[in-house]
Protein backbone atom coordinates (compact mmCIF):
# COMPACT_ATOMS: atom_id res chain seq x y z
CA MET A 1 50.18 11.49 23.84
CA LYS A 2 50.20 8.29 25.85
CA ASN A 3 47.00 7.14 27.50
CA GLN A 4 46.36 4.58 30.19
CA ASN A 5 47.80 1.15 29.37
CA GLY A 6 45.59 -0.83 27.06
CA THR A 7 43.53 2.15 25.94
CA GLY A 8 45.66 3.15 22.96
CA SER A 9 47.55 6.32 22.21
CA ILE A 10 47.25 9.58 20.29
CA TYR A 11 50.24 11.42 18.94
CA LYS A 12 51.11 14.06 16.40
CA LEU A 13 53.11 13.11 13.34
CA LYS A 14 56.12 15.14 12.29
CA GLY A 15 56.17 17.32 9.23
CA LYS A 16 53.44 19.22 7.41
CA ARG A 17 50.45 16.93 7.08
CA ARG A 18 46.77 17.67 6.61
CA LYS A 19 45.91 14.79 8.93
CA SER A 20 48.68 14.96 11.46
CA TRP A 21 46.98 13.29 14.44
CA ALA A 22 47.31 9.50 14.62
CA VAL A 23 45.47 6.98 16.76
CA ARG A 24 47.13 3.66 17.51
CA VAL A 25 45.90 0.75 19.63
CA SER A 26 47.22 -2.63 20.74
CA PHE A 27 45.41 -5.92 20.24
CA GLN A 28 46.07 -9.63 20.49
CA ASP A 29 46.01 -11.70 17.32
CA GLU A 30 44.62 -15.21 17.02
CA PHE A 31 47.85 -16.66 18.39
CA GLY A 32 47.85 -14.45 21.49
CA ALA A 33 50.64 -12.18 20.32
CA THR A 34 50.32 -8.44 21.03
CA ARG A 35 50.19 -6.32 17.93
CA ARG A 36 49.50 -2.69 17.07
CA LYS A 37 47.32 -1.09 14.47
CA TYR A 38 46.34 2.42 13.45
CA LEU A 39 42.69 3.33 13.69
CA GLY A 40 43.25 6.32 11.42
CA TYR A 41 44.69 9.78 10.91
CA PHE A 42 42.83 12.98 11.70
CA GLU A 43 43.02 16.71 11.12
CA THR A 44 42.35 17.65 14.72
CA LYS A 45 43.23 16.27 18.10
CA LYS A 46 39.58 16.31 19.07
CA GLU A 47 38.66 13.96 16.20
CA ALA A 48 41.44 11.61 17.26
CA GLN A 49 40.26 11.62 20.88
CA GLU A 50 36.66 10.89 19.86
CA THR A 51 37.77 7.98 17.69
CA LEU A 52 39.86 6.44 20.46
CA PHE A 53 37.05 6.93 22.96
CA ASN A 54 34.57 5.16 20.67
CA TYR A 55 37.04 2.34 20.10
CA ASN A 56 37.51 1.73 23.81
CA LYS A 57 33.76 1.89 24.27
CA ASN A 58 33.10 -0.71 21.55
CA PRO A 59 36.08 -2.26 19.68
CA LEU A 60 33.70 -4.21 17.41
CA LEU A 61 32.83 -0.95 15.66
CA PHE A 62 36.36 -1.03 14.31
CA SER A 63 36.44 -4.73 13.53
CA GLY A 64 36.17 -4.08 9.80
CA LYS A 65 33.33 -6.59 9.31
CA THR A 66 31.88 -6.19 5.84
CA PHE A 67 28.21 -6.01 5.00
CA GLY A 68 28.56 -9.37 3.25
CA GLU A 69 29.95 -10.99 6.40
CA ILE A 70 27.23 -9.54 8.63
CA LYS A 71 24.60 -10.50 6.07
CA ASN A 72 25.78 -14.11 6.10
CA LEU A 73 26.00 -14.19 9.90
CA TRP A 74 22.41 -12.95 10.17
CA PHE A 75 21.08 -15.32 7.52
CA SER A 76 22.73 -18.27 9.24
CA SER A 77 21.14 -17.25 12.53
CA VAL A 78 17.59 -17.19 11.14
CA LYS A 79 17.60 -20.15 8.75
CA GLU A 80 16.71 -22.65 11.46
CA LYS A 81 13.70 -20.57 12.54
CA ILE A 82 11.95 -20.13 9.17
CA THR A 83 10.43 -22.32 6.48
CA ILE A 84 12.23 -23.51 3.36
CA SER A 85 9.95 -21.28 1.31
CA SER A 86 10.95 -18.23 3.37
CA ILE A 87 14.64 -19.14 3.05
CA LYS A 88 14.30 -19.14 -0.74
CA LYS A 89 12.45 -15.82 -0.79
CA ILE A 90 15.00 -14.14 1.48
CA GLY A 91 17.85 -15.63 -0.55
CA ILE A 92 16.48 -13.95 -3.68
CA ILE A 93 16.09 -10.60 -1.89
CA LEU A 94 19.64 -10.73 -0.49
CA LYS A 95 21.04 -10.84 -4.03
CA PHE A 96 19.78 -7.29 -4.60
CA PHE A 97 22.23 -6.09 -1.94
CA ASN A 98 25.33 -7.95 -3.18
CA ILE A 99 26.73 -4.61 -4.35
CA LEU A 100 27.34 -3.74 -0.68
CA ASP A 101 29.14 -6.97 0.24
CA GLU A 102 32.69 -5.60 0.11
CA TYR A 103 31.94 -2.45 2.11
CA LYS A 104 32.55 -2.34 5.84
CA ILE A 105 29.06 -2.29 7.26
CA SER A 106 30.02 0.71 9.40
CA ASP A 107 30.96 2.58 6.21
CA VAL A 108 27.72 1.95 4.31
CA LYS A 109 26.01 5.30 3.75
CA LEU A 110 22.33 6.10 3.60
CA PHE A 111 22.63 7.44 0.04
CA GLN A 112 23.97 4.04 -1.08
CA LEU A 113 21.00 2.25 0.43
CA GLN A 114 18.55 4.77 -1.01
CA LYS A 115 20.10 4.44 -4.48
CA ILE A 116 19.47 0.70 -4.47
CA PHE A 117 15.78 1.19 -3.70
CA ASP A 118 15.40 4.08 -6.13
CA GLU A 119 16.65 1.86 -8.94
CA MET A 120 14.32 -1.02 -8.09
CA SER A 121 11.53 -1.53 -10.60
CA PHE A 122 9.44 -3.67 -8.27
CA SER A 123 6.04 -2.97 -6.75
CA TYR A 124 5.80 -0.87 -3.61
CA ASN A 125 4.91 -3.94 -1.54
CA TYR A 126 7.87 -5.98 -2.80
CA LYS A 127 10.23 -3.08 -2.16
CA GLY A 128 8.77 -3.06 1.35
CA ASN A 129 9.72 -6.73 1.70
CA CYS A 130 13.27 -5.93 0.58
CA LYS A 131 13.52 -3.11 3.09
CA SER A 132 12.24 -5.40 5.84
CA VAL A 133 15.02 -7.94 5.19
CA LEU A 134 17.70 -5.22 5.03
CA ASN A 135 16.34 -3.69 8.22
CA ARG A 136 16.70 -7.02 10.03
CA ILE A 137 20.33 -7.31 8.91
CA PHE A 138 21.18 -3.85 10.23
CA ASP A 139 19.25 -4.49 13.45
CA PHE A 140 21.33 -7.63 13.89
CA ALA A 141 24.50 -5.57 13.41
CA VAL A 142 23.34 -3.01 16.00
CA LYS A 143 22.43 -5.66 18.57
CA ASN A 144 25.83 -7.28 18.16
CA ASP A 145 27.70 -3.95 18.41
CA PHE A 146 29.08 -3.94 14.85
CA ILE A 147 27.39 -0.58 14.18
CA GLU A 148 25.84 2.04 16.40
CA SER A 149 22.66 2.82 14.46
CA ASN A 150 20.37 1.43 11.78
CA LYS A 151 20.27 3.66 8.70
CA VAL A 152 17.70 1.50 6.91
CA LYS A 153 14.80 3.11 8.77
CA PHE A 154 15.50 6.32 6.85
CA VAL A 155 15.23 4.65 3.42
CA GLU A 156 12.20 5.87 1.48
CA LEU A 157 10.26 3.58 -0.83
CA GLY A 158 8.61 6.36 -2.78
CA LYS A 159 4.92 6.95 -3.30
CA LYS A 160 2.66 3.95 -3.20
CA ASN A 161 0.79 3.92 -6.48
CA VAL A 162 -2.13 1.57 -6.38
CA VAL A 163 -3.37 0.92 -9.88
CA ILE A 164 -6.67 -0.89 -10.16
CA GLU A 165 -7.80 -1.94 -13.59
CA ARG A 166 -11.38 -0.82 -14.19
CA LYS A 167 -13.37 -3.07 -16.51
CA ILE A 168 -16.89 -2.08 -17.40
CA PHE A 169 -19.49 -4.79 -17.77
CA THR A 170 -19.94 -5.48 -21.47
CA LYS A 171 -23.34 -5.54 -23.16
CA ASN A 172 -23.06 -9.32 -23.42
CA GLU A 173 -22.32 -9.63 -19.69
CA ILE A 174 -25.27 -7.41 -18.80
CA ASN A 175 -27.49 -9.57 -21.03
CA ILE A 176 -26.26 -12.66 -19.18
CA LEU A 177 -27.30 -11.05 -15.90
CA TRP A 178 -30.77 -10.29 -17.25
CA GLU A 179 -31.11 -13.89 -18.44
CA ASN A 180 -30.23 -15.28 -15.01
CA LEU A 181 -32.45 -13.39 -12.59
CA GLU A 182 -33.34 -16.65 -10.86
CA ASN A 183 -29.87 -16.62 -9.31
CA LYS A 184 -29.70 -14.90 -5.94
CA TYR A 185 -27.89 -11.54 -6.02
CA THR A 186 -28.17 -11.17 -9.82
CA TYR A 187 -30.78 -8.44 -9.44
CA THR A 188 -28.50 -6.56 -7.00
CA VAL A 189 -25.70 -6.38 -9.57
CA LEU A 190 -28.11 -5.01 -12.16
CA ILE A 191 -29.39 -2.41 -9.71
CA LEU A 192 -25.82 -1.28 -9.04
CA ILE A 193 -25.11 -1.08 -12.78
CA TYR A 194 -28.24 0.96 -13.54
CA THR A 195 -28.12 3.33 -10.57
CA GLY A 196 -24.40 3.93 -10.02
CA MET A 197 -24.74 3.59 -6.25
CA ARG A 198 -21.59 3.03 -4.22
CA ILE A 199 -21.64 -0.38 -2.55
CA GLY A 200 -21.79 1.27 0.88
CA GLU A 201 -24.79 3.32 -0.24
CA PHE A 202 -26.52 0.24 -1.61
CA LEU A 203 -25.96 -1.95 1.45
CA GLY A 204 -27.12 0.92 3.67
CA LEU A 205 -30.23 1.55 1.58
CA LYS A 206 -33.33 1.29 3.77
CA VAL A 207 -36.78 0.32 2.55
CA THR A 208 -37.99 3.78 3.53
CA ASP A 209 -35.37 5.29 1.18
CA ILE A 210 -37.11 3.73 -1.82
CA ASP A 211 -40.18 5.53 -3.21
CA LEU A 212 -41.77 3.30 -5.81
CA ASP A 213 -44.66 5.72 -6.40
CA ASP A 214 -42.36 8.54 -7.49
CA LYS A 215 -39.76 6.03 -8.70
CA VAL A 216 -36.81 7.51 -6.83
CA ILE A 217 -34.10 6.38 -4.40
CA TYR A 218 -32.95 8.70 -1.62
CA ILE A 219 -29.30 8.34 -0.71
CA ARG A 220 -29.22 9.75 2.81
CA LYS A 221 -25.78 8.50 3.85
CA SER A 222 -22.68 8.65 1.65
CA LYS A 223 -18.91 9.00 1.86
CA THR A 224 -19.13 12.63 0.63
CA SER A 225 -21.59 15.47 1.08
CA SER A 226 -22.24 15.50 -2.66
CA GLY A 227 -23.12 11.81 -2.39
CA ILE A 228 -26.32 12.74 -0.59
CA ARG A 229 -28.64 12.75 -3.59
CA THR A 230 -31.84 11.54 -5.21
CA ILE A 231 -31.56 8.94 -7.95
CA PRO A 232 -34.50 8.32 -10.29
CA ILE A 233 -35.20 4.60 -10.69
CA PRO A 234 -34.82 3.73 -14.39
CA ASP A 235 -37.92 2.16 -15.90
CA LYS A 236 -35.76 -0.76 -17.01
CA ILE A 237 -35.08 -1.92 -13.44
CA LEU A 238 -38.23 -0.77 -11.63
CA SER A 239 -39.47 -4.38 -11.50
CA LEU A 240 -36.28 -5.44 -9.69
CA PHE A 241 -37.28 -3.19 -6.78
CA VAL A 242 -40.97 -4.11 -6.90
CA GLU A 243 -40.28 -7.84 -6.85
CA ASN A 244 -37.60 -7.79 -4.15
CA ILE A 245 -38.65 -5.13 -1.65
CA ASN A 246 -40.03 -6.30 1.66
CA TYR A 247 -41.59 -3.56 3.76
CA GLU A 248 -41.25 -5.64 6.93
CA ASN A 249 -37.47 -5.32 6.75
CA GLU A 250 -35.43 -2.26 7.67
CA TYR A 251 -32.91 -2.63 4.84
CA PHE A 252 -33.51 -3.45 1.20
CA ILE A 253 -30.67 -5.99 1.23
CA ILE A 254 -30.51 -8.08 4.38
CA SER A 255 -28.42 -10.83 5.92
CA LYS A 256 -29.70 -14.19 7.15
CA ASN A 257 -30.47 -12.65 10.53
CA PHE A 258 -32.50 -9.85 8.87
CA LYS A 259 -29.88 -7.20 9.59
CA GLN A 260 -27.85 -5.05 7.22
CA LEU A 261 -25.76 -7.23 4.92
CA GLY A 262 -21.99 -6.80 5.43
CA TYR A 263 -19.59 -5.79 2.67
CA ARG A 264 -17.47 -8.94 2.89
CA THR A 265 -20.49 -11.19 2.60
CA TYR A 266 -21.77 -9.29 -0.41
CA LYS A 267 -18.34 -9.23 -2.07
CA TYR A 268 -18.00 -12.98 -1.65
CA ASN A 269 -21.43 -13.65 -3.19
CA PHE A 270 -20.76 -11.09 -5.96
CA GLU A 271 -17.60 -12.92 -7.00
CA ILE A 272 -19.22 -16.36 -6.75
CA LEU A 273 -22.14 -15.20 -8.93
CA LEU A 274 -19.90 -13.86 -11.72
CA GLU A 275 -17.87 -17.05 -11.72
CA LYS A 276 -21.01 -19.17 -11.86
CA LEU A 277 -22.38 -17.18 -14.81
CA GLY A 278 -19.08 -17.30 -16.70
CA ILE A 279 -18.57 -13.54 -16.47
CA GLN A 280 -15.01 -12.23 -16.25
CA ARG A 281 -13.80 -11.02 -12.86
CA HIS A 282 -14.98 -7.55 -11.88
CA THR A 283 -14.69 -5.40 -8.80
CA ILE A 284 -17.95 -4.18 -7.31
CA HIS A 285 -16.86 -0.66 -8.19
CA ASP A 286 -16.89 -1.70 -11.86
CA THR A 287 -20.69 -1.49 -11.69
CA ARG A 288 -20.43 2.22 -10.89
CA HIS A 289 -17.87 2.71 -13.62
CA THR A 290 -20.19 0.92 -16.04
CA PHE A 291 -23.07 3.20 -15.06
CA ALA A 292 -21.10 6.37 -15.81
CA THR A 293 -19.79 4.93 -19.09
CA MET A 294 -23.25 3.87 -20.24
CA LEU A 295 -24.63 7.34 -19.50
CA ASN A 296 -21.78 8.93 -21.39
CA ASN A 297 -22.30 6.62 -24.35
CA ALA A 298 -26.00 7.51 -24.30
CA ASP A 299 -25.04 11.20 -24.68
CA ALA A 300 -26.32 12.21 -21.25
CA ASN A 301 -24.81 15.60 -20.43
CA SER A 302 -21.88 15.77 -18.03
CA THR A 303 -23.82 17.63 -15.34
CA SER A 304 -26.41 14.86 -15.13
CA ILE A 305 -23.72 12.18 -15.01
CA ILE A 306 -21.82 13.90 -12.22
CA LYS A 307 -24.90 14.49 -10.12
CA LEU A 308 -26.28 11.00 -10.64
CA ILE A 309 -23.09 9.35 -9.43
CA GLY A 310 -22.70 11.83 -6.55
CA HIS A 311 -19.24 12.87 -7.67
CA SER A 312 -17.19 14.86 -5.17
CA ASP A 313 -16.43 17.52 -7.79
CA PHE A 314 -20.05 18.37 -8.43
CA SER A 315 -19.90 21.48 -6.23
CA THR A 316 -17.51 22.96 -8.80
CA THR A 317 -19.55 21.77 -11.76
CA GLU A 318 -22.75 23.12 -10.25
CA ASN A 319 -21.31 26.65 -10.39
CA ILE A 320 -20.96 26.28 -14.15
CA TYR A 321 -24.01 24.30 -15.25
CA THR A 322 -27.71 24.77 -14.57
CA HIS A 323 -29.05 22.89 -11.55
CA LYS A 324 -30.89 19.72 -12.52
CA ASP A 325 -34.15 18.69 -10.88
CA VAL A 326 -35.34 15.11 -10.49
CA GLU A 327 -37.38 15.09 -13.73
CA GLU A 328 -34.42 16.26 -15.81
CA LEU A 329 -32.32 13.56 -14.20
CA ARG A 330 -35.04 11.03 -14.97
CA ILE A 331 -34.79 11.88 -18.68
CA ALA A 332 -31.05 11.31 -18.53
CA ILE A 333 -31.18 8.01 -16.63
CA ASN A 334 -33.94 6.57 -18.84
CA LYS A 335 -31.66 6.87 -21.81
CA LEU A 336 -30.21 3.60 -20.51
CA ASN A 337 -33.28 1.71 -21.81
């Protein structure tokens, strides 16, 4: 079947063949001579027609450029726009995709891309960096008509597992805190350790939430409904509240402008304090972890521990264990002395 001049031709091959429909086109080589090449052989005439149509629409799709060639073209185009450090980092990432270099970029399948990422043993964030680079290569190929679509966007990185090492404050570290109460913020760390409050609960603690007569703290705002609770103030840290509470302020912990202290400001001062005292690095949440561990080591029962920390699973536990009142909780928390 002959088409309009210059658009190629489709014809049926003689004999019994599974792919009997051929597509042939003319092109000019580098010397200007007219040559012919076959785009492929197909089982049906319709497939042949679609292939020829796509070729006439965009001949570059059939140029046979390999992934390696496109990769190098892209890298060359961006080198002048990025820092030497970025060039080195990208160069390392590109090596992970060398296995694709000999494939025509139009022939690279999604399962091949996914297999590369599935076999990576890197962190989720680094795999994300690798995907970003690969995505830019395929975007470059799309923009320059070497491929019609970018398969990289369908690559899955897997579940992001964030593992945070929890380190409880050691007895020696707690002793160091007690010995350095003259340092600003030291008393706040001890209060967190001995009450198990979340940092958001602590920074949002108002003066009116602290009852020094009955020696209790009322947590009125929390991230969970079970976080709304009453915490007995351990005898060991009662003086830390007495000596630092100011009834003229709205919040127990305040900023320089007498407003609620922000998390970032507290976190910064928390880290500076530990460094100054020679205490290993801790997250603020380690204070809460320390509290629960200390209670457990002091043989406080699990119901008391769960209720004192305002655990989200307490609603389930409460159906099994007897409800604890404030005095029973006080007995448990004073085991920390």
